[in-house]
């Protein structure tokens, strides 16, 4: 759908709602925490830009990652880094579900600060562009962000993308956003 020299943005299989996208490095890496700080700053710029564009159409956008560490997939189920950009009407509700499992923690102001101290599999969620949270993945079930958002959308039993691909919603997302300037400022 959109691409820079180093990153890709696509509608996801398991598109719980129109506007749900995955943002990922073009080159293979396990987790965003594996990127250097300059690459993470570029990613944060992209993500903040995308949040603005997508929010105009879909409302608030949360960002989440199930970050693997070495051979530990943690709460993830894929071995390639990807951030979930998901429209949700109540980002605070998403955060509350993370806190229920991971416990209360102070937010970081930037993605770079948040991921700088990672030394194990993690879950990351950002309800706003200036609030970034991270927890060890040990207590979180796989596909946690999808479980939480599926519940918010009244699709609690349809959180697993393998069983519920939501092809129609993925096509709507593609049709609505194809041709827009989603990542315009560093195109090759």
C-alpha atoms as a PDB file:
ATOM      1  CA  UNK A   1       0.000   0.000   0.000  1.00  0.00           C
ATOM      2  CA  UNK A   2       2.812   2.431   0.928  1.00  0.00           C
ATOM      3  CA  UNK A   3       6.549   1.993   1.051  1.00  0.00           C
ATOM      4  CA  UNK A   4       9.746   3.872   1.738  1.00  0.00           C
ATOM      5  CA  UNK A   5      13.214   2.510   1.036  1.00  0.00           C
ATOM      6  CA  UNK A   6      13.214   0.804   4.411  1.00  0.00           C
ATOM      7  CA  UNK A   7       9.597   0.361   5.593  1.00  0.00           C
ATOM      8  CA  UNK A   8       6.246  -0.965   4.361  1.00  0.00           C
ATOM      9  CA  UNK A   9       2.636  -0.236   5.339  1.00  0.00           C
ATOM     10  CA  UNK A  10      -0.100  -2.773   4.513  1.00  0.00           C
ATOM     11  CA  UNK A  11      -3.674  -3.636   5.501  1.00  0.00           C
ATOM     12  CA  UNK A  12      -3.452  -6.681   7.722  1.00  0.00           C
ATOM     13  CA  UNK A  13      -4.872 -10.160   7.494  1.00  0.00           C
ATOM     14  CA  UNK A  14      -7.288 -10.222  10.409  1.00  0.00           C
ATOM     15  CA  UNK A  15      -8.364  -6.616   9.804  1.00  0.00           C
ATOM     16  CA  UNK A  16     -10.776  -6.285  12.751  1.00  0.00           C
ATOM     17  CA  UNK A  17     -11.939  -2.894  11.497  1.00  0.00           C
ATOM     18  CA  UNK A  18     -11.408  -0.717   8.455  1.00  0.00           C
ATOM     19  CA  UNK A  19      -8.181   1.252   8.825  1.00  0.00           C
ATOM     20  CA  UNK A  20      -6.187  -1.448  10.674  1.00  0.00           C
ATOM     21  CA  UNK A  21      -2.671  -1.469   9.211  1.00  0.00           C
ATOM     22  CA  UNK A  22       0.698  -3.096   9.831  1.00  0.00           C
ATOM     23  CA  UNK A  23       3.853  -0.990   9.638  1.00  0.00           C
ATOM     24  CA  UNK A  24       7.084  -2.959   9.287  1.00  0.00           C
ATOM     25  CA  UNK A  25      10.719  -2.794   8.259  1.00  0.00           C
ATOM     26  CA  UNK A  26      11.395  -3.931   4.716  1.00  0.00           C
ATOM     27  CA  UNK A  27      14.555  -5.765   5.798  1.00  0.00           C
ATOM     28  CA  UNK A  28      14.124  -8.659   8.198  1.00  0.00           C
ATOM     29  CA  UNK A  29      14.406  -7.850  11.892  1.00  0.00           C
ATOM     30  CA  UNK A  30      12.722  -9.562  14.823  1.00  0.00           C
ATOM     31  CA  UNK A  31      11.557  -6.490  16.740  1.00  0.00           C
ATOM     32  CA  UNK A  32      11.585  -2.719  16.532  1.00  0.00           C
ATOM     33  CA  UNK A  33      13.783  -2.761  19.652  1.00  0.00           C
ATOM     34  CA  UNK A  34      16.506  -4.282  17.433  1.00  0.00           C
ATOM     35  CA  UNK A  35      16.669  -1.135  15.277  1.00  0.00           C
ATOM     36  CA  UNK A  36      19.210   1.552  16.084  1.00  0.00           C
ATOM     37  CA  UNK A  37      18.049   4.875  17.529  1.00  0.00           C
ATOM     38  CA  UNK A  38      18.247   6.727  14.188  1.00  0.00           C
ATOM     39  CA  UNK A  39      16.038   4.111  12.510  1.00  0.00           C
ATOM     40  CA  UNK A  40      13.615   4.208  15.448  1.00  0.00           C
ATOM     41  CA  UNK A  41      13.380   8.006  15.194  1.00  0.00           C
ATOM     42  CA  UNK A  42      12.467   7.653  11.512  1.00  0.00           C
ATOM     43  CA  UNK A  43       9.863   5.030  12.415  1.00  0.00           C
ATOM     44  CA  UNK A  44       8.428   7.301  15.088  1.00  0.00           C
ATOM     45  CA  UNK A  45       8.168  10.153  12.565  1.00  0.00           C
ATOM     46  CA  UNK A  46       6.378   7.840  10.129  1.00  0.00           C
ATOM     47  CA  UNK A  47       4.021   6.513  12.804  1.00  0.00           C
ATOM     48  CA  UNK A  48       3.138   9.981  14.105  1.00  0.00           C
ATOM     49  CA  UNK A  49       2.471  11.155  10.554  1.00  0.00           C
ATOM     50  CA  UNK A  50       0.303   8.083   9.901  1.00  0.00           C
ATOM     51  CA  UNK A  51      -1.618   8.600  13.124  1.00  0.00           C
ATOM     52  CA  UNK A  52      -2.553  12.095  11.981  1.00  0.00           C
ATOM     53  CA  UNK A  53      -3.680  11.013   8.517  1.00  0.00           C
ATOM     54  CA  UNK A  54      -5.564   7.954   9.767  1.00  0.00           C
ATOM     55  CA  UNK A  55      -7.178   9.771  12.717  1.00  0.00           C
ATOM     56  CA  UNK A  56      -8.791  12.235  10.300  1.00  0.00           C
ATOM     57  CA  UNK A  57     -10.609   9.305   8.707  1.00  0.00           C
ATOM     58  CA  UNK A  58     -10.934   6.694  11.488  1.00  0.00           C
ATOM     59  CA  UNK A  59     -10.542   8.467  14.838  1.00  0.00           C
ATOM     60  CA  UNK A  60      -7.887   7.690  17.473  1.00  0.00           C
ATOM     61  CA  UNK A  61      -5.152   5.233  16.470  1.00  0.00           C
ATOM     62  CA  UNK A  62      -3.319   3.031  18.955  1.00  0.00           C
ATOM     63  CA  UNK A  63       0.053   1.524  18.091  1.00  0.00           C
ATOM     64  CA  UNK A  64       1.213  -1.818  19.475  1.00  0.00           C
ATOM     65  CA  UNK A  65       3.953  -4.398  19.080  1.00  0.00           C
ATOM     66  CA  UNK A  66       4.485  -7.860  20.525  1.00  0.00           C
ATOM     67  CA  UNK A  67       8.268  -7.680  20.474  1.00  0.00           C
ATOM     68  CA  UNK A  68      10.160 -10.952  20.353  1.00  0.00           C
ATOM     69  CA  UNK A  69      13.644 -11.243  21.841  1.00  0.00           C
ATOM     70  CA  UNK A  70      16.159 -13.596  20.262  1.00  0.00           C
ATOM     71  CA  UNK A  71      14.313 -16.952  20.068  1.00  0.00           C
ATOM     72  CA  UNK A  72      11.465 -15.946  22.419  1.00  0.00           C
ATOM     73  CA  UNK A  73       8.371 -14.811  20.482  1.00  0.00           C
ATOM     74  CA  UNK A  74       6.845 -13.484  23.707  1.00  0.00           C
ATOM     75  CA  UNK A  75       3.224 -12.482  23.083  1.00  0.00           C
ATOM     76  CA  UNK A  76       3.772 -12.407  19.326  1.00  0.00           C
ATOM     77  CA  UNK A  77       3.212 -15.070  16.725  1.00  0.00           C
ATOM     78  CA  UNK A  78       5.406 -13.828  13.850  1.00  0.00           C
ATOM     79  CA  UNK A  79       9.162 -13.533  13.616  1.00  0.00           C
ATOM     80  CA  UNK A  80       9.295 -10.259  11.668  1.00  0.00           C
ATOM     81  CA  UNK A  81       8.899  -6.893  13.372  1.00  0.00           C
ATOM     82  CA  UNK A  82       5.565  -5.177  12.795  1.00  0.00           C
ATOM     83  CA  UNK A  83       3.639  -2.418  14.531  1.00  0.00           C
ATOM     84  CA  UNK A  84      -0.145  -2.629  14.642  1.00  0.00           C
ATOM     85  CA  UNK A  85      -1.877   0.684  13.848  1.00  0.00           C
ATOM     86  CA  UNK A  86      -5.462   0.172  14.958  1.00  0.00           C
ATOM     87  CA  UNK A  87      -8.341   2.654  15.024  1.00  0.00           C
ATOM     88  CA  UNK A  88     -10.136   2.398  18.371  1.00  0.00           C
ATOM     89  CA  UNK A  89     -12.743   4.766  19.798  1.00  0.00           C
ATOM     90  CA  UNK A  90     -11.298   4.444  23.323  1.00  0.00           C
ATOM     91  CA  UNK A  91      -7.476   4.226  23.478  1.00  0.00           C
ATOM     92  CA  UNK A  92      -7.606   4.477  27.291  1.00  0.00           C
ATOM     93  CA  UNK A  93      -9.613   1.254  27.396  1.00  0.00           C
ATOM     94  CA  UNK A  94      -6.831  -0.526  25.501  1.00  0.00           C
ATOM     95  CA  UNK A  95      -4.242   0.788  27.959  1.00  0.00           C
ATOM     96  CA  UNK A  96      -6.340  -0.343  30.940  1.00  0.00           C
ATOM     97  CA  UNK A  97      -6.373  -3.906  29.591  1.00  0.00           C
ATOM     98  CA  UNK A  98      -2.577  -3.883  29.318  1.00  0.00           C
ATOM     99  CA  UNK A  99      -2.241  -2.520  32.863  1.00  0.00           C
ATOM    100  CA  UNK A 100      -4.543  -5.277  34.189  1.00  0.00           C
ATOM    101  CA  UNK A 101      -1.956  -7.850  33.140  1.00  0.00           C
ATOM    102  CA  UNK A 102       1.358  -5.981  33.204  1.00  0.00           C
ATOM    103  CA  UNK A 103       0.731  -3.638  36.119  1.00  0.00           C
ATOM    104  CA  UNK A 104       0.936   0.121  36.339  1.00  0.00           C
ATOM    105  CA  UNK A 105       3.990   1.763  34.801  1.00  0.00           C
ATOM    106  CA  UNK A 106       5.050   5.268  33.839  1.00  0.00           C
ATOM    107  CA  UNK A 107       4.901   6.177  30.137  1.00  0.00           C
ATOM    108  CA  UNK A 108       7.897   7.138  28.047  1.00  0.00           C
ATOM    109  CA  UNK A 109       7.594  10.263  25.900  1.00  0.00           C
ATOM    110  CA  UNK A 110       9.104   8.732  22.751  1.00  0.00           C
ATOM    111  CA  UNK A 111       9.337   5.374  21.040  1.00  0.00           C
ATOM    112  CA  UNK A 112      13.147   5.598  21.110  1.00  0.00           C
ATOM    113  CA  UNK A 113      13.208   6.096  24.890  1.00  0.00           C
ATOM    114  CA  UNK A 114      10.680   3.317  25.389  1.00  0.00           C
ATOM    115  CA  UNK A 115      12.517   0.649  23.420  1.00  0.00           C
ATOM    116  CA  UNK A 116      16.050   1.648  24.508  1.00  0.00           C
ATOM    117  CA  UNK A 117      16.080  -0.555  27.602  1.00  0.00           C
ATOM    118  CA  UNK A 118      14.612  -3.724  26.110  1.00  0.00           C
ATOM    119  CA  UNK A 119      16.460  -6.893  27.098  1.00  0.00           C
ATOM    120  CA  UNK A 120      13.664  -9.481  26.837  1.00  0.00           C
ATOM    121  CA  UNK A 121      10.502 -10.218  24.861  1.00  0.00           C
ATOM    122  CA  UNK A 122       8.074  -7.342  25.390  1.00  0.00           C
ATOM    123  CA  UNK A 123       4.660  -5.905  24.674  1.00  0.00           C
ATOM    124  CA  UNK A 124       4.440  -2.264  23.653  1.00  0.00           C
ATOM    125  CA  UNK A 125       1.390  -0.040  23.362  1.00  0.00           C
ATOM    126  CA  UNK A 126       1.024   3.642  22.582  1.00  0.00           C
ATOM    127  CA  UNK A 127      -2.437   5.161  23.079  1.00  0.00           C
ATOM    128  CA  UNK A 128      -1.194   8.608  21.923  1.00  0.00           C
ATOM    129  CA  UNK A 129       1.890   9.930  20.149  1.00  0.00           C
ATOM    130  CA  UNK A 130       3.400  11.119  23.449  1.00  0.00           C
ATOM    131  CA  UNK A 131       2.612   8.082  25.610  1.00  0.00           C
ATOM    132  CA  UNK A 132       4.590   4.875  25.090  1.00  0.00           C
ATOM    133  CA  UNK A 133       4.336   1.875  27.435  1.00  0.00           C
ATOM    134  CA  UNK A 134       6.287  -1.364  27.630  1.00  0.00           C
ATOM    135  CA  UNK A 135       6.074  -4.535  29.743  1.00  0.00           C
ATOM    136  CA  UNK A 136       7.848  -7.898  29.768  1.00  0.00           C
ATOM    137  CA  UNK A 137       5.805 -10.271  27.603  1.00  0.00           C
ATOM    138  CA  UNK A 138       5.832 -13.135  30.108  1.00  0.00           C
ATOM    139  CA  UNK A 139       2.273 -12.680  31.434  1.00  0.00           C
ATOM    140  CA  UNK A 140       0.601 -11.586  28.190  1.00  0.00           C
ATOM    141  CA  UNK A 141      -1.171 -14.097  25.940  1.00  0.00           C
ATOM    142  CA  UNK A 142      -0.299 -14.179  22.257  1.00  0.00           C
ATOM    143  CA  UNK A 143      -1.988 -11.615  20.021  1.00  0.00           C
ATOM    144  CA  UNK A 144      -2.930  -9.561  23.090  1.00  0.00           C
ATOM    145  CA  UNK A 145      -3.640  -6.319  21.226  1.00  0.00           C
ATOM    146  CA  UNK A 146      -5.916  -8.187  18.832  1.00  0.00           C
ATOM    147  CA  UNK A 147      -7.800  -9.790  21.737  1.00  0.00           C
ATOM    148  CA  UNK A 148      -8.315  -6.407  23.397  1.00  0.00           C
ATOM    149  CA  UNK A 149      -9.413  -4.626  20.215  1.00  0.00           C
ATOM    150  CA  UNK A 150     -11.654  -7.504  19.105  1.00  0.00           C
ATOM    151  CA  UNK A 151     -13.455  -7.192  22.429  1.00  0.00           C
ATOM    152  CA  UNK A 152     -13.853  -3.422  21.966  1.00  0.00           C
ATOM    153  CA  UNK A 153     -15.386  -4.041  18.529  1.00  0.00           C
ATOM    154  CA  UNK A 154     -17.793  -6.699  19.827  1.00  0.00           C
ATOM    155  CA  UNK A 155     -15.835  -9.482  18.116  1.00  0.00           C
ATOM    156  CA  UNK A 156     -14.321 -11.040  21.246  1.00  0.00           C
ATOM    157  CA  UNK A 157     -14.203 -14.570  19.820  1.00  0.00           C
ATOM    158  CA  UNK A 158     -12.725 -13.413  16.486  1.00  0.00           C
ATOM    159  CA  UNK A 159      -9.333 -12.113  17.619  1.00  0.00           C
ATOM    160  CA  UNK A 160      -7.153 -14.745  15.891  1.00  0.00           C
ATOM    161  CA  UNK A 161      -6.171 -13.609  12.395  1.00  0.00           C
ATOM    162  CA  UNK A 162      -5.598 -17.212  11.301  1.00  0.00           C
ATOM    163  CA  UNK A 163      -9.240 -18.112  11.895  1.00  0.00           C
ATOM    164  CA  UNK A 164     -10.793 -14.728  11.109  1.00  0.00           C
ATOM    165  CA  UNK A 165      -9.004 -12.932   8.247  1.00  0.00           C
ATOM    166  CA  UNK A 166     -11.689 -10.227   7.827  1.00  0.00           C
ATOM    167  CA  UNK A 167     -11.036 -10.078   4.082  1.00  0.00           C
ATOM    168  CA  UNK A 168     -13.839  -7.582   3.461  1.00  0.00           C
ATOM    169  CA  UNK A 169     -12.500  -5.093   6.032  1.00  0.00           C
ATOM    170  CA  UNK A 170      -8.992  -5.492   4.615  1.00  0.00           C
ATOM    171  CA  UNK A 171     -10.307  -4.728   1.124  1.00  0.00           C
ATOM    172  CA  UNK A 172     -12.242  -1.697   2.421  1.00  0.00           C
ATOM    173  CA  UNK A 173      -9.037  -0.435   4.043  1.00  0.00           C
ATOM    174  CA  UNK A 174      -7.108  -0.879   0.831  1.00  0.00           C
ATOM    175  CA  UNK A 175      -9.811   0.767  -1.294  1.00  0.00           C
ATOM    176  CA  UNK A 176     -10.123   3.713   1.095  1.00  0.00           C
ATOM    177  CA  UNK A 177      -6.395   4.398   1.373  1.00  0.00           C
ATOM    178  CA  UNK A 178      -4.819   3.326  -1.922  1.00  0.00           C
ATOM    179  CA  UNK A 179      -3.345   6.311  -3.713  1.00  0.00           C
ATOM    180  CA  UNK A 180      -3.220   8.506  -0.614  1.00  0.00           C
ATOM    181  CA  UNK A 181       0.070   9.972   0.581  1.00  0.00           C
ATOM    182  CA  UNK A 182       0.570   7.722   3.579  1.00  0.00           C
ATOM    183  CA  UNK A 183       4.381   7.841   3.640  1.00  0.00           C
ATOM    184  CA  UNK A 184       5.194  10.709   1.300  1.00  0.00           C
ATOM    185  CA  UNK A 185       8.316  12.354   2.588  1.00  0.00           C
ATOM    186  CA  UNK A 186      11.073   9.763   2.073  1.00  0.00           C
ATOM    187  CA  UNK A 187       9.936   7.906  -0.992  1.00  0.00           C
ATOM    188  CA  UNK A 188      12.848   6.837  -3.223  1.00  0.00           C
END
